[in-house]
C-alpha atoms as a PDB file:
ATOM      1  CA  MET A   1     -87.490 -48.443 -39.860  1.00  0.00           C
ATOM      2  CA  ARG A   2     -90.232 -49.438 -42.000  1.00  0.00           C
ATOM      3  CA  ILE A   3     -91.709 -48.493 -45.545  1.00  0.00           C
ATOM      4  CA  ILE A   4     -94.662 -46.271 -44.591  1.00  0.00           C
ATOM      5  CA  ALA A   5     -96.541 -46.140 -47.800  1.00  0.00           C
ATOM      6  CA  GLY A   6     -97.028 -47.391 -51.216  1.00  0.00           C
ATOM      7  CA  THR A   7     -96.266 -50.626 -52.876  1.00  0.00           C
ATOM      8  CA  TYR A   8     -93.729 -51.778 -50.474  1.00  0.00           C
ATOM      9  CA  ARG A   9     -95.789 -50.548 -47.340  1.00  0.00           C
ATOM     10  CA  GLY A  10     -95.012 -52.482 -44.121  1.00  0.00           C
ATOM     11  CA  ARG A  11     -91.697 -53.915 -45.175  1.00  0.00           C
ATOM     12  CA  ASN A  12     -89.016 -53.497 -42.395  1.00  0.00           C
ATOM     13  CA  LEU A  13     -85.629 -52.324 -43.438  1.00  0.00           C
ATOM     14  CA  LYS A  14     -82.340 -53.455 -41.851  1.00  0.00           C
ATOM     15  CA  SER A  15     -80.951 -50.325 -39.817  1.00  0.00           C
ATOM     16  CA  PRO A  16     -77.308 -49.257 -39.623  1.00  0.00           C
ATOM     17  CA  ARG A  17     -75.220 -51.017 -36.837  1.00  0.00           C
ATOM     18  CA  THR A  18     -73.352 -47.973 -35.647  1.00  0.00           C
ATOM     19  CA  LEU A  19     -75.166 -45.179 -33.843  1.00  0.00           C
ATOM     20  CA  GLU A  20     -73.030 -42.654 -36.201  1.00  0.00           C
ATOM     21  CA  ILE A  21     -75.498 -43.146 -38.934  1.00  0.00           C
ATOM     22  CA  ARG A  22     -78.541 -40.951 -37.794  1.00  0.00           C
ATOM     23  CA  PRO A  23     -81.385 -42.346 -40.303  1.00  0.00           C
ATOM     24  CA  THR A  24     -84.441 -40.194 -41.015  1.00  0.00           C
ATOM     25  CA  SER A  25     -86.860 -41.111 -38.776  1.00  0.00           C
ATOM     26  CA  ASP A  26     -90.078 -42.636 -39.871  1.00  0.00           C
ATOM     27  CA  ARG A  27     -92.047 -39.450 -38.681  1.00  0.00           C
ATOM     28  CA  LEU A  28     -89.985 -37.243 -40.404  1.00  0.00           C
ATOM     29  CA  ARG A  29     -90.056 -39.264 -43.834  1.00  0.00           C
ATOM     30  CA  GLU A  30     -93.800 -39.295 -43.403  1.00  0.00           C
ATOM     31  CA  THR A  31     -94.057 -35.680 -43.090  1.00  0.00           C
ATOM     32  CA  LEU A  32     -91.616 -34.955 -46.147  1.00  0.00           C
ATOM     33  CA  PHE A  33     -93.507 -37.436 -48.507  1.00  0.00           C
ATOM     34  CA  ASN A  34     -96.795 -35.928 -47.326  1.00  0.00           C
ATOM     35  CA  VAL A  35     -95.308 -32.704 -48.735  1.00  0.00           C
ATOM     36  CA  ILE A  36     -93.875 -34.005 -51.776  1.00  0.00           C
ATOM     37  CA  ALA A  37     -96.472 -36.595 -52.843  1.00  0.00           C
ATOM     38  CA  PRO A  38     -97.831 -34.978 -55.888  1.00  0.00           C
ATOM     39  CA  ARG A  39     -94.114 -34.731 -57.311  1.00  0.00           C
ATOM     40  CA  VAL A  40     -92.995 -38.220 -56.672  1.00  0.00           C
ATOM     41  CA  GLY A  41     -94.786 -40.178 -59.331  1.00  0.00           C
ATOM     42  CA  GLY A  42     -92.325 -41.107 -62.305  1.00  0.00           C
ATOM     43  CA  ALA A  43     -89.831 -39.065 -60.819  1.00  0.00           C
ATOM     44  CA  ARG A  44     -86.010 -39.443 -60.958  1.00  0.00           C
ATOM     45  CA  PHE A  45     -85.010 -39.362 -57.062  1.00  0.00           C
ATOM     46  CA  LEU A  46     -81.450 -38.855 -55.672  1.00  0.00           C
ATOM     47  CA  ASP A  47     -80.970 -40.096 -52.430  1.00  0.00           C
ATOM     48  CA  LEU A  48     -77.233 -38.387 -51.170  1.00  0.00           C
ATOM     49  CA  CYS A  49     -75.707 -39.690 -48.130  1.00  0.00           C
ATOM     50  CA  ALA A  50     -78.291 -42.433 -48.353  1.00  0.00           C
ATOM     51  CA  GLY A  51     -77.394 -44.328 -45.306  1.00  0.00           C
ATOM     52  CA  SER A  52     -79.754 -47.283 -44.991  1.00  0.00           C
ATOM     53  CA  GLY A  53     -81.527 -46.027 -48.249  1.00  0.00           C
ATOM     54  CA  ALA A  54     -84.921 -45.735 -46.246  1.00  0.00           C
ATOM     55  CA  VAL A  55     -86.003 -42.098 -48.124  1.00  0.00           C
ATOM     56  CA  GLY A  56     -84.756 -43.358 -51.636  1.00  0.00           C
ATOM     57  CA  ILE A  57     -86.800 -46.736 -51.000  1.00  0.00           C
ATOM     58  CA  GLU A  58     -89.785 -45.016 -49.775  1.00  0.00           C
ATOM     59  CA  ALA A  59     -89.732 -42.831 -53.152  1.00  0.00           C
ATOM     60  CA  LEU A  60     -89.827 -46.143 -55.102  1.00  0.00           C
ATOM     61  CA  SER A  61     -92.734 -47.270 -53.068  1.00  0.00           C
ATOM     62  CA  ARG A  62     -94.696 -44.477 -53.769  1.00  0.00           C
ATOM     63  CA  GLY A  63     -94.175 -44.469 -57.325  1.00  0.00           C
ATOM     64  CA  ALA A  64     -90.910 -42.903 -58.280  1.00  0.00           C
ATOM     65  CA  ALA A  65     -89.505 -44.337 -61.426  1.00  0.00           C
ATOM     66  CA  HIS A  66     -85.861 -44.490 -60.550  1.00  0.00           C
ATOM     67  CA  SER A  67     -83.687 -43.711 -57.136  1.00  0.00           C
ATOM     68  CA  THR A  68     -80.001 -43.329 -57.265  1.00  0.00           C
ATOM     69  CA  PHE A  69     -78.638 -43.723 -53.914  1.00  0.00           C
ATOM     70  CA  VAL A  70     -75.009 -42.283 -52.835  1.00  0.00           C
ATOM     71  CA  ASP A  71     -73.133 -43.087 -49.784  1.00  0.00           C
ATOM     72  CA  SER A  72     -69.431 -42.845 -48.876  1.00  0.00           C
ATOM     73  CA  SER A  73     -69.232 -45.966 -46.819  1.00  0.00           C
ATOM     74  CA  ARG A  74     -68.934 -49.570 -48.228  1.00  0.00           C
ATOM     75  CA  GLU A  75     -71.045 -50.671 -45.405  1.00  0.00           C
ATOM     76  CA  MET A  76     -73.648 -48.585 -45.987  1.00  0.00           C
ATOM     77  CA  LYS A  77     -73.577 -49.417 -49.960  1.00  0.00           C
ATOM     78  CA  ALA A  78     -74.162 -52.971 -48.553  1.00  0.00           C
ATOM     79  CA  LEU A  79     -76.929 -52.042 -46.283  1.00  0.00           C
ATOM     80  CA  ILE A  80     -78.928 -49.956 -49.107  1.00  0.00           C
ATOM     81  CA  GLU A  81     -78.442 -53.136 -51.520  1.00  0.00           C
ATOM     82  CA  ALA A  82     -79.669 -55.678 -48.896  1.00  0.00           C
ATOM     83  CA  ASN A  83     -82.778 -53.288 -48.038  1.00  0.00           C
ATOM     84  CA  LEU A  84     -83.492 -52.912 -51.864  1.00  0.00           C
ATOM     85  CA  ASP A  85     -83.276 -56.749 -51.873  1.00  0.00           C
ATOM     86  CA  LEU A  86     -85.508 -57.159 -49.011  1.00  0.00           C
ATOM     87  CA  CYS A  87     -88.033 -55.085 -50.786  1.00  0.00           C
ATOM     88  CA  ARG A  88     -87.642 -57.057 -54.165  1.00  0.00           C
ATOM     89  CA  ILE A  89     -87.568 -53.756 -56.147  1.00  0.00           C
ATOM     90  CA  PRO A  90     -86.324 -54.461 -59.756  1.00  0.00           C
ATOM     91  CA  GLU A  91     -82.563 -53.517 -60.652  1.00  0.00           C
ATOM     92  CA  GLU A  92     -83.683 -51.325 -63.447  1.00  0.00           C
ATOM     93  CA  ARG A  93     -85.475 -49.007 -60.925  1.00  0.00           C
ATOM     94  CA  TRP A  94     -82.382 -48.212 -58.779  1.00  0.00           C
ATOM     95  CA  LYS A  95     -78.606 -47.611 -58.728  1.00  0.00           C
ATOM     96  CA  VAL A  96     -76.294 -47.380 -55.672  1.00  0.00           C
ATOM     97  CA  VAL A  97     -73.134 -45.568 -55.890  1.00  0.00           C
ATOM     98  CA  ARG A  98     -70.169 -45.505 -53.439  1.00  0.00           C
ATOM     99  CA  ALA A  99     -68.723 -42.043 -53.527  1.00  0.00           C
ATOM    100  CA  GLU A 100     -68.511 -38.645 -51.644  1.00  0.00           C
ATOM    101  CA  ALA A 101     -71.631 -36.708 -52.498  1.00  0.00           C
ATOM    102  CA  VAL A 102     -69.747 -33.622 -54.233  1.00  0.00           C
ATOM    103  CA  ASN A 103     -67.406 -35.941 -56.034  1.00  0.00           C
ATOM    104  CA  PHE A 104     -70.401 -38.051 -57.497  1.00  0.00           C
ATOM    105  CA  LEU A 105     -72.449 -34.725 -58.404  1.00  0.00           C
ATOM    106  CA  HIS A 106     -69.048 -33.253 -60.244  1.00  0.00           C
ATOM    107  CA  LYS A 107     -69.044 -36.513 -62.115  1.00  0.00           C
ATOM    108  CA  ALA A 108     -72.729 -36.458 -63.138  1.00  0.00           C
ATOM    109  CA  ILE A 109     -72.439 -32.957 -64.385  1.00  0.00           C
ATOM    110  CA  SER A 110     -69.407 -33.814 -66.632  1.00  0.00           C
ATOM    111  CA  THR A 111     -70.743 -36.780 -67.999  1.00  0.00           C
ATOM    112  CA  GLN A 112     -74.238 -34.902 -69.083  1.00  0.00           C
ATOM    113  CA  PHE A 113     -76.766 -37.339 -67.333  1.00  0.00           C
ATOM    114  CA  GLU A 114     -80.292 -36.919 -67.047  1.00  0.00           C
ATOM    115  CA  PRO A 115     -81.238 -34.732 -64.213  1.00  0.00           C
ATOM    116  CA  TRP A 116     -83.193 -35.747 -61.153  1.00  0.00           C
ATOM    117  CA  ASN A 117     -86.466 -34.352 -60.525  1.00  0.00           C
ATOM    118  CA  ILE A 118     -86.029 -34.640 -56.542  1.00  0.00           C
ATOM    119  CA  ALA A 119     -82.655 -34.553 -54.652  1.00  0.00           C
ATOM    120  CA  PHE A 120     -82.668 -35.434 -50.837  1.00  0.00           C
ATOM    121  CA  PHE A 121     -79.438 -34.433 -48.993  1.00  0.00           C
ATOM    122  CA  ASP A 122     -78.951 -35.476 -45.414  1.00  0.00           C
ATOM    123  CA  PRO A 123     -75.237 -35.598 -44.387  1.00  0.00           C
ATOM    124  CA  PRO A 124     -74.224 -35.986 -40.897  1.00  0.00           C
ATOM    125  CA  TYR A 125     -75.210 -32.916 -38.949  1.00  0.00           C
ATOM    126  CA  ALA A 126     -71.590 -31.721 -38.329  1.00  0.00           C
ATOM    127  CA  ASP A 127     -70.923 -31.561 -41.816  1.00  0.00           C
ATOM    128  CA  ASN A 128     -70.733 -28.260 -44.060  1.00  0.00           C
ATOM    129  CA  TYR A 129     -73.895 -28.088 -46.193  1.00  0.00           C
ATOM    130  CA  LEU A 130     -72.505 -24.880 -47.769  1.00  0.00           C
ATOM    131  CA  ASP A 131     -70.450 -26.681 -50.555  1.00  0.00           C
ATOM    132  CA  MET A 132     -73.407 -28.866 -51.588  1.00  0.00           C
ATOM    133  CA  LEU A 133     -75.811 -26.133 -51.780  1.00  0.00           C
ATOM    134  CA  GLN A 134     -73.478 -23.613 -53.866  1.00  0.00           C
ATOM    135  CA  LEU A 135     -72.978 -26.747 -56.221  1.00  0.00           C
ATOM    136  CA  PHE A 136     -76.766 -27.202 -56.789  1.00  0.00           C
ATOM    137  CA  GLY A 137     -76.998 -23.494 -56.815  1.00  0.00           C
ATOM    138  CA  ARG A 138     -74.275 -22.942 -59.673  1.00  0.00           C
ATOM    139  CA  ASP A 139     -75.531 -25.969 -61.413  1.00  0.00           C
ATOM    140  CA  SER A 140     -79.397 -26.326 -60.722  1.00  0.00           C
ATOM    141  CA  LYS A 141     -79.980 -26.746 -64.596  1.00  0.00           C
ATOM    142  CA  ALA A 142     -77.846 -29.662 -64.846  1.00  0.00           C
ATOM    143  CA  LEU A 143     -78.670 -31.170 -61.794  1.00  0.00           C
ATOM    144  CA  LEU A 144     -82.320 -30.706 -61.077  1.00  0.00           C
ATOM    145  CA  GLY A 145     -84.820 -31.399 -63.782  1.00  0.00           C
ATOM    146  CA  HIS A 146     -87.853 -28.998 -65.065  1.00  0.00           C
ATOM    147  CA  GLN A 147     -89.670 -28.187 -61.551  1.00  0.00           C
ATOM    148  CA  GLY A 148     -86.602 -29.762 -59.488  1.00  0.00           C
ATOM    149  CA  LEU A 149     -86.555 -29.929 -56.001  1.00  0.00           C
ATOM    150  CA  LEU A 150     -83.755 -30.160 -53.414  1.00  0.00           C
ATOM    151  CA  ILE A 151     -84.431 -31.132 -49.927  1.00  0.00           C
ATOM    152  CA  VAL A 152     -81.853 -30.947 -47.177  1.00  0.00           C
ATOM    153  CA  GLU A 153     -82.273 -32.432 -43.675  1.00  0.00           C
ATOM    154  CA  HIS A 154     -80.544 -30.695 -40.950  1.00  0.00           C
ATOM    155  CA  ARG A 155     -80.477 -29.717 -37.245  1.00  0.00           C
ATOM    156  CA  HIS A 156     -83.227 -27.051 -36.764  1.00  0.00           C
ATOM    157  CA  LYS A 157     -80.815 -24.834 -35.284  1.00  0.00           C
ATOM    158  CA  ASN A 158     -78.688 -24.663 -38.190  1.00  0.00           C
ATOM    159  CA  GLN A 159     -79.511 -21.755 -40.096  1.00  0.00           C
ATOM    160  CA  LEU A 160     -79.164 -22.531 -44.041  1.00  0.00           C
ATOM    161  CA  PRO A 161     -79.309 -19.767 -46.604  1.00  0.00           C
ATOM    162  CA  GLU A 162     -82.466 -18.573 -48.135  1.00  0.00           C
ATOM    163  CA  VAL A 163     -80.866 -18.190 -51.594  1.00  0.00           C
ATOM    164  CA  VAL A 164     -77.654 -19.847 -53.024  1.00  0.00           C
ATOM    165  CA  ALA A 165     -76.795 -18.772 -56.994  1.00  0.00           C
ATOM    166  CA  GLU A 166     -79.759 -20.323 -58.820  1.00  0.00           C
ATOM    167  CA  ILE A 167     -81.875 -21.746 -56.155  1.00  0.00           C
ATOM    168  CA  LYS A 168     -83.860 -20.251 -53.414  1.00  0.00           C
ATOM    169  CA  ARG A 169     -85.576 -22.007 -50.062  1.00  0.00           C
ATOM    170  CA  ALA A 170     -89.376 -22.234 -50.926  1.00  0.00           C
ATOM    171  CA  ARG A 171     -90.180 -23.803 -47.559  1.00  0.00           C
ATOM    172  CA  ILE A 172     -88.904 -24.882 -44.180  1.00  0.00           C
ATOM    173  CA  LEU A 173     -90.313 -27.689 -41.951  1.00  0.00           C
ATOM    174  CA  LYS A 174     -89.258 -28.337 -38.226  1.00  0.00           C
ATOM    175  CA  GLN A 175     -89.830 -31.431 -36.498  1.00  0.00           C
ATOM    176  CA  GLY A 176     -88.294 -32.307 -33.324  1.00  0.00           C
ATOM    177  CA  ASP A 177     -84.303 -31.620 -33.288  1.00  0.00           C
ATOM    178  CA  SER A 178     -84.638 -31.930 -37.434  1.00  0.00           C
ATOM    179  CA  ALA A 179     -85.611 -29.539 -40.258  1.00  0.00           C
ATOM    180  CA  LEU A 180     -86.558 -30.192 -43.763  1.00  0.00           C
ATOM    181  CA  SER A 181     -85.234 -26.890 -46.059  1.00  0.00           C
ATOM    182  CA  PHE A 182     -86.890 -27.151 -49.506  1.00  0.00           C
ATOM    183  CA  TYR A 183     -85.089 -25.710 -52.548  1.00  0.00           C
ATOM    184  CA  GLU A 184     -86.428 -24.702 -56.065  1.00  0.00           C
ATOM    185  CA  LYS A 185     -84.794 -23.111 -58.845  1.00  0.00           C
ATOM    186  CA  ALA A 186     -85.090 -19.140 -58.435  1.00  0.00           C
ATOM    187  CA  SER A 187     -87.543 -18.064 -61.230  1.00  0.00           C
ATOM    188  CA  SER A 188     -85.688 -15.841 -63.724  1.00  0.00           C
END
């Protein structure tokens, strides 16, 4: 894995030791950032189920102001921190949290934090996506900033709902076995 573009372009990242972790491929990451490029500069970026942290680090490399990385694994938390250190990204630009994604978001909502502009959610393909989509749909104003965007990576055969409460899917991109669903706040 490597950083594709931006300030940290070409830097190689450490990969997870286990095959149970499925990092977002370089090709899919490049497609993702080609689509969201106009929104990344200055954005607050959330990388849920972050794994190696490659997506959030790519966002920082391309000008995001801050990335928050969330993963439930102690090993993945250490890997993300090692990759941030490899890239020499200043600590004030990132935060790494070891927590279950849903628990992290509930806590974030209850503490009235600053919402994210872009949230990327890439759980294990076997996981239930609906709980997370419902949380973002119900609390989109609290979780996503003005013109906020939620991107969900999933198996292309998994059909995710078009609308969930206050969010709606604006676009879906399929590449190989993976797909990216882009959700935005539904207009009133």
